[in-house]
Amino acid sequence: MNVTNVDLNSRLNEILDEIKNYPTPIAGCDVQFNYLLEQKNILRNLLNGTKEFVPTTYYNVHTPD
């Protein structure tokens, strides 16, 4: 699968919008919110040329495709 910067930016914008509209979480206790923050950081790293793309934490959550 060939992922472009347009694809990464599109997904990043979706995540940023989801974070912006997310209900107030309980800090450190909301798995979905923490997952979104980590995905945001991964996408930003990829867009900035960083090779890091493996999440540092495993989350067992369902995310929309």
PDB file of N, CA and C in Angstrom:
ATOM      1  N   MET A   1       0.837  -1.179   0.000  1.00  0.00           N
ATOM      2  CA  MET A   1       0.000   0.000   0.000  1.00  0.00           C
ATOM      3  C   MET A   1       0.882   1.243   0.000  1.00  0.00           C
ATOM      4  N   ASN A   2       0.619   2.147  -0.893  1.00  0.00           N
ATOM      5  CA  ASN A   2       1.397   3.363  -1.013  1.00  0.00           C
ATOM      6  C   ASN A   2       0.620   4.523  -0.378  1.00  0.00           C
ATOM      7  N   VAL A   3       1.132   5.027   0.734  1.00  0.00           N
ATOM      8  CA  VAL A   3       0.477   6.122   1.450  1.00  0.00           C
ATOM      9  C   VAL A   3       1.202   7.416   1.124  1.00  0.00           C
ATOM     10  N   THR A   4       0.436   8.424   0.736  1.00  0.00           N
ATOM     11  CA  THR A   4       1.027   9.709   0.376  1.00  0.00           C
ATOM     12  C   THR A   4       0.884  10.703   1.520  1.00  0.00           C
ATOM     13  N   ASN A   5       1.584  11.817   1.406  1.00  0.00           N
ATOM     14  CA  ASN A   5       1.448  12.890   2.395  1.00  0.00           C
ATOM     15  C   ASN A   5       0.024  13.423   2.424  1.00  0.00           C
ATOM     16  N   VAL A   6      -0.654  13.401   1.290  1.00  0.00           N
ATOM     17  CA  VAL A   6      -2.057  13.839   1.246  1.00  0.00           C
ATOM     18  C   VAL A   6      -2.901  12.915   2.124  1.00  0.00           C
ATOM     19  N   ASP A   7      -2.651  11.604   2.025  1.00  0.00           N
ATOM     20  CA  ASP A   7      -3.366  10.634   2.859  1.00  0.00           C
ATOM     21  C   ASP A   7      -3.085  10.880   4.340  1.00  0.00           C
ATOM     22  N   LEU A   8      -1.805  11.078   4.663  1.00  0.00           N
ATOM     23  CA  LEU A   8      -1.420  11.306   6.057  1.00  0.00           C
ATOM     24  C   LEU A   8      -2.033  12.596   6.591  1.00  0.00           C
ATOM     25  N   ASN A   9      -1.983  13.658   5.791  1.00  0.00           N
ATOM     26  CA  ASN A   9      -2.579  14.933   6.218  1.00  0.00           C
ATOM     27  C   ASN A   9      -4.082  14.811   6.403  1.00  0.00           C
ATOM     28  N   SER A  10      -4.729  14.080   5.520  1.00  0.00           N
ATOM     29  CA  SER A  10      -6.164  13.881   5.622  1.00  0.00           C
ATOM     30  C   SER A  10      -6.515  13.166   6.922  1.00  0.00           C
ATOM     31  N   ARG A  11      -5.788  12.104   7.222  1.00  0.00           N
ATOM     32  CA  ARG A  11      -6.042  11.361   8.468  1.00  0.00           C
ATOM     33  C   ARG A  11      -5.711  12.216   9.683  1.00  0.00           C
ATOM     34  N   LEU A  12      -4.623  12.974   9.612  1.00  0.00           N
ATOM     35  CA  LEU A  12      -4.254  13.859  10.716  1.00  0.00           C
ATOM     36  C   LEU A  12      -5.357  14.872  10.978  1.00  0.00           C
ATOM     37  N   ASN A  13      -5.907  15.454   9.929  1.00  0.00           N
ATOM     38  CA  ASN A  13      -6.997  16.419  10.095  1.00  0.00           C
ATOM     39  C   ASN A  13      -8.233  15.772  10.704  1.00  0.00           C
ATOM     40  N   GLU A  14      -8.529  14.528  10.323  1.00  0.00           N
ATOM     41  CA  GLU A  14      -9.656  13.805  10.920  1.00  0.00           C
ATOM     42  C   GLU A  14      -9.432  13.616  12.418  1.00  0.00           C
ATOM     43  N   ILE A  15      -8.216  13.224  12.784  1.00  0.00           N
ATOM     44  CA  ILE A  15      -7.892  12.998  14.191  1.00  0.00           C
ATOM     45  C   ILE A  15      -7.943  14.309  14.971  1.00  0.00           C
ATOM     46  N   LEU A  16      -7.390  15.374  14.403  1.00  0.00           N
ATOM     47  CA  LEU A  16      -7.423  16.674  15.092  1.00  0.00           C
ATOM     48  C   LEU A  16      -8.859  17.139  15.313  1.00  0.00           C
ATOM     49  N   ASP A  17      -9.714  16.912  14.335  1.00  0.00           N
ATOM     50  CA  ASP A  17     -11.121  17.285  14.471  1.00  0.00           C
ATOM     51  C   ASP A  17     -11.798  16.437  15.552  1.00  0.00           C
ATOM     52  N   GLU A  18     -11.471  15.154  15.558  1.00  0.00           N
ATOM     53  CA  GLU A  18     -12.052  14.266  16.571  1.00  0.00           C
ATOM     54  C   GLU A  18     -11.596  14.667  17.974  1.00  0.00           C
ATOM     55  N   ILE A  19     -10.318  15.016  18.120  1.00  0.00           N
ATOM     56  CA  ILE A  19      -9.798  15.471  19.411  1.00  0.00           C
ATOM     57  C   ILE A  19     -10.479  16.771  19.827  1.00  0.00           C
ATOM     58  N   LYS A  20     -10.627  17.691  18.884  1.00  0.00           N
ATOM     59  CA  LYS A  20     -11.248  18.992  19.170  1.00  0.00           C
ATOM     60  C   LYS A  20     -12.678  18.838  19.677  1.00  0.00           C
ATOM     61  N   ASN A  21     -13.401  17.867  19.139  1.00  0.00           N
ATOM     62  CA  ASN A  21     -14.804  17.670  19.494  1.00  0.00           C
ATOM     63  C   ASN A  21     -15.019  16.573  20.530  1.00  0.00           C
ATOM     64  N   TYR A  22     -13.942  16.065  21.101  1.00  0.00           N
ATOM     65  CA  TYR A  22     -14.039  14.967  22.048  1.00  0.00           C
ATOM     66  C   TYR A  22     -14.543  15.478  23.395  1.00  0.00           C
ATOM     67  N   PRO A  23     -15.435  14.728  24.041  1.00  0.00           N
ATOM     68  CA  PRO A  23     -15.884  15.152  25.376  1.00  0.00           C
ATOM     69  C   PRO A  23     -14.705  15.205  26.341  1.00  0.00           C
ATOM     70  N   THR A  24     -14.812  16.032  27.335  1.00  0.00           N
ATOM     71  CA  THR A  24     -13.727  16.196  28.303  1.00  0.00           C
ATOM     72  C   THR A  24     -13.371  14.844  28.923  1.00  0.00           C
ATOM     73  N   PRO A  25     -12.123  14.392  28.712  1.00  0.00           N
ATOM     74  CA  PRO A  25     -11.725  13.087  29.258  1.00  0.00           C
ATOM     75  C   PRO A  25     -11.234  13.213  30.695  1.00  0.00           C
ATOM     76  N   ILE A  26     -11.169  12.084  31.353  1.00  0.00           N
ATOM     77  CA  ILE A  26     -10.502  12.006  32.639  1.00  0.00           C
ATOM     78  C   ILE A  26      -9.043  11.719  32.298  1.00  0.00           C
ATOM     79  N   ALA A  27      -8.163  12.630  32.645  1.00  0.00           N
ATOM     80  CA  ALA A  27      -6.755  12.536  32.245  1.00  0.00           C
ATOM     81  C   ALA A  27      -6.164  11.167  32.576  1.00  0.00           C
ATOM     82  N   GLY A  28      -5.554  10.560  31.557  1.00  0.00           N
ATOM     83  CA  GLY A  28      -4.866   9.295  31.730  1.00  0.00           C
ATOM     84  C   GLY A  28      -5.771   8.081  31.819  1.00  0.00           C
ATOM     85  N   CYS A  29      -7.078   8.278  31.839  1.00  0.00           N
ATOM     86  CA  CYS A  29      -8.004   7.155  32.008  1.00  0.00           C
ATOM     87  C   CYS A  29      -8.837   6.883  30.766  1.00  0.00           C
ATOM     88  N   ASP A  30      -8.762   7.718  29.789  1.00  0.00           N
ATOM     89  CA  ASP A  30      -9.598   7.580  28.610  1.00  0.00           C
ATOM     90  C   ASP A  30      -8.780   6.969  27.479  1.00  0.00           C
ATOM     91  N   VAL A  31      -8.939   5.686  27.258  1.00  0.00           N
ATOM     92  CA  VAL A  31      -8.122   4.947  26.292  1.00  0.00           C
ATOM     93  C   VAL A  31      -8.287   5.500  24.880  1.00  0.00           C
ATOM     94  N   GLN A  32      -9.513   5.767  24.454  1.00  0.00           N
ATOM     95  CA  GLN A  32      -9.744   6.266  23.093  1.00  0.00           C
ATOM     96  C   GLN A  32      -9.072   7.617  22.880  1.00  0.00           C
ATOM     97  N   PHE A  33      -9.168   8.514  23.855  1.00  0.00           N
ATOM     98  CA  PHE A  33      -8.546   9.833  23.729  1.00  0.00           C
ATOM     99  C   PHE A  33      -7.026   9.695  23.663  1.00  0.00           C
ATOM    100  N   ASN A  34      -6.463   8.862  24.527  1.00  0.00           N
ATOM    101  CA  ASN A  34      -5.011   8.640  24.514  1.00  0.00           C
ATOM    102  C   ASN A  34      -4.567   8.033  23.185  1.00  0.00           C
ATOM    103  N   TYR A  35      -5.385   7.146  22.638  1.00  0.00           N
ATOM    104  CA  TYR A  35      -5.100   6.552  21.333  1.00  0.00           C
ATOM    105  C   TYR A  35      -5.060   7.635  20.248  1.00  0.00           C
ATOM    106  N   LEU A  36      -6.032   8.532  20.269  1.00  0.00           N
ATOM    107  CA  LEU A  36      -6.068   9.622  19.278  1.00  0.00           C
ATOM    108  C   LEU A  36      -4.832  10.507  19.391  1.00  0.00           C
ATOM    109  N   LEU A  37      -4.423  10.827  20.608  1.00  0.00           N
ATOM    110  CA  LEU A  37      -3.221  11.649  20.796  1.00  0.00           C
ATOM    111  C   LEU A  37      -1.985  10.945  20.235  1.00  0.00           C
ATOM    112  N   GLU A  38      -1.881   9.659  20.474  1.00  0.00           N
ATOM    113  CA  GLU A  38      -0.726   8.921  19.963  1.00  0.00           C
ATOM    114  C   GLU A  38      -0.749   8.845  18.438  1.00  0.00           C
ATOM    115  N   GLN A  39      -1.923   8.621  17.848  1.00  0.00           N
ATOM    116  CA  GLN A  39      -2.035   8.588  16.392  1.00  0.00           C
ATOM    117  C   GLN A  39      -1.658   9.942  15.786  1.00  0.00           C
ATOM    118  N   LYS A  40      -2.076  11.019  16.442  1.00  0.00           N
ATOM    119  CA  LYS A  40      -1.724  12.368  15.988  1.00  0.00           C
ATOM    120  C   LYS A  40      -0.198  12.526  15.963  1.00  0.00           C
ATOM    121  N   ASN A  41       0.465  12.099  17.022  1.00  0.00           N
ATOM    122  CA  ASN A  41       1.917  12.221  17.097  1.00  0.00           C
ATOM    123  C   ASN A  41       2.617  11.360  16.048  1.00  0.00           C
ATOM    124  N   ILE A  42       2.114  10.160  15.825  1.00  0.00           N
ATOM    125  CA  ILE A  42       2.698   9.281  14.811  1.00  0.00           C
ATOM    126  C   ILE A  42       2.587   9.910  13.426  1.00  0.00           C
ATOM    127  N   LEU A  43       1.393  10.425  13.089  1.00  0.00           N
ATOM    128  CA  LEU A  43       1.196  11.047  11.775  1.00  0.00           C
ATOM    129  C   LEU A  43       2.074  12.278  11.601  1.00  0.00           C
ATOM    130  N   ARG A  44       2.176  13.096  12.638  1.00  0.00           N
ATOM    131  CA  ARG A  44       3.053  14.277  12.543  1.00  0.00           C
ATOM    132  C   ARG A  44       4.497  13.867  12.339  1.00  0.00           C
ATOM    133  N   ASN A  45       4.939  12.819  13.026  1.00  0.00           N
ATOM    134  CA  ASN A  45       6.309  12.325  12.838  1.00  0.00           C
ATOM    135  C   ASN A  45       6.522  11.840  11.412  1.00  0.00           C
ATOM    136  N   LEU A  46       5.562  11.111  10.879  1.00  0.00           N
ATOM    137  CA  LEU A  46       5.685  10.629   9.503  1.00  0.00           C
ATOM    138  C   LEU A  46       5.734  11.793   8.514  1.00  0.00           C
ATOM    139  N   LEU A  47       4.892  12.797   8.734  1.00  0.00           N
ATOM    140  CA  LEU A  47       4.866  13.946   7.831  1.00  0.00           C
ATOM    141  C   LEU A  47       6.140  14.787   7.939  1.00  0.00           C
ATOM    142  N   ASN A  48       6.794  14.742   9.086  1.00  0.00           N
ATOM    143  CA  ASN A  48       8.034  15.496   9.271  1.00  0.00           C
ATOM    144  C   ASN A  48       9.266  14.685   8.881  1.00  0.00           C
ATOM    145  N   GLY A  49       9.052  13.499   8.311  1.00  0.00           N
ATOM    146  CA  GLY A  49      10.173  12.700   7.831  1.00  0.00           C
ATOM    147  C   GLY A  49      10.759  11.765   8.865  1.00  0.00           C
ATOM    148  N   THR A  50      10.169  11.701  10.040  1.00  0.00           N
ATOM    149  CA  THR A  50      10.647  10.787  11.062  1.00  0.00           C
ATOM    150  C   THR A  50      10.203   9.384  10.701  1.00  0.00           C
ATOM    151  N   LYS A  51      11.070   8.425  10.886  1.00  0.00           N
ATOM    152  CA  LYS A  51      10.744   7.039  10.534  1.00  0.00           C
ATOM    153  C   LYS A  51       9.884   6.360  11.595  1.00  0.00           C
ATOM    154  N   GLU A  52       9.744   6.965  12.752  1.00  0.00           N
ATOM    155  CA  GLU A  52       8.949   6.402  13.850  1.00  0.00           C
ATOM    156  C   GLU A  52       7.487   6.324  13.451  1.00  0.00           C
ATOM    157  N   PHE A  53       6.942   5.127  13.424  1.00  0.00           N
ATOM    158  CA  PHE A  53       5.517   4.997  13.145  1.00  0.00           C
ATOM    159  C   PHE A  53       4.876   3.904  13.984  1.00  0.00           C
ATOM    160  N   VAL A  54       5.654   3.201  14.779  1.00  0.00           N
ATOM    161  CA  VAL A  54       5.111   2.144  15.614  1.00  0.00           C
ATOM    162  C   VAL A  54       4.629   2.755  16.923  1.00  0.00           C
ATOM    163  N   PRO A  55       3.368   2.527  17.286  1.00  0.00           N
ATOM    164  CA  PRO A  55       2.865   3.080  18.544  1.00  0.00           C
ATOM    165  C   PRO A  55       3.663   2.539  19.725  1.00  0.00           C
ATOM    166  N   THR A  56       3.845   3.369  20.733  1.00  0.00           N
ATOM    167  CA  THR A  56       4.569   2.934  21.927  1.00  0.00           C
ATOM    168  C   THR A  56       3.646   2.217  22.887  1.00  0.00           C
ATOM    169  N   THR A  57       2.353   2.330  22.684  1.00  0.00           N
ATOM    170  CA  THR A  57       1.365   1.705  23.553  1.00  0.00           C
ATOM    171  C   THR A  57       0.388   0.923  22.696  1.00  0.00           C
ATOM    172  N   TYR A  58      -0.051  -0.215  23.191  1.00  0.00           N
ATOM    173  CA  TYR A  58      -1.056  -0.997  22.477  1.00  0.00           C
ATOM    174  C   TYR A  58      -2.426  -0.650  23.034  1.00  0.00           C
ATOM    175  N   TYR A  59      -3.331  -0.300  22.141  1.00  0.00           N
ATOM    176  CA  TYR A  59      -4.703  -0.002  22.536  1.00  0.00           C
ATOM    177  C   TYR A  59      -5.619  -0.988  21.848  1.00  0.00           C
ATOM    178  N   ASN A  60      -6.484  -1.610  22.593  1.00  0.00           N
ATOM    179  CA  ASN A  60      -7.452  -2.526  22.031  1.00  0.00           C
ATOM    180  C   ASN A  60      -8.773  -1.776  21.855  1.00  0.00           C
ATOM    181  N   VAL A  61      -8.800  -0.903  20.873  1.00  0.00           N
ATOM    182  CA  VAL A  61     -10.003  -0.109  20.600  1.00  0.00           C
ATOM    183  C   VAL A  61     -10.339  -0.236  19.138  1.00  0.00           C
ATOM    184  N   HIS A  62     -11.605  -0.119  18.828  1.00  0.00           N
ATOM    185  CA  HIS A  62     -12.046  -0.118  17.445  1.00  0.00           C
ATOM    186  C   HIS A  62     -12.060   1.315  16.956  1.00  0.00           C
ATOM    187  N   THR A  63     -11.381   1.569  15.843  1.00  0.00           N
ATOM    188  CA  THR A  63     -11.399   2.902  15.255  1.00  0.00           C
ATOM    189  C   THR A  63     -12.082   2.830  13.910  1.00  0.00           C
ATOM    190  N   PRO A  64     -12.829   3.861  13.554  1.00  0.00           N
ATOM    191  CA  PRO A  64     -13.502   3.848  12.250  1.00  0.00           C
ATOM    192  C   PRO A  64     -12.501   3.860  11.113  1.00  0.00           C
ATOM    193  N   ASP A  65     -12.840   3.187  10.033  1.00  0.00           N
ATOM    194  CA  ASP A  65     -11.947   3.163   8.860  1.00  0.00           C
ATOM    195  C   ASP A  65     -12.048   4.418   8.057  1.00  0.00           C
TER     196      ASP A  65
END
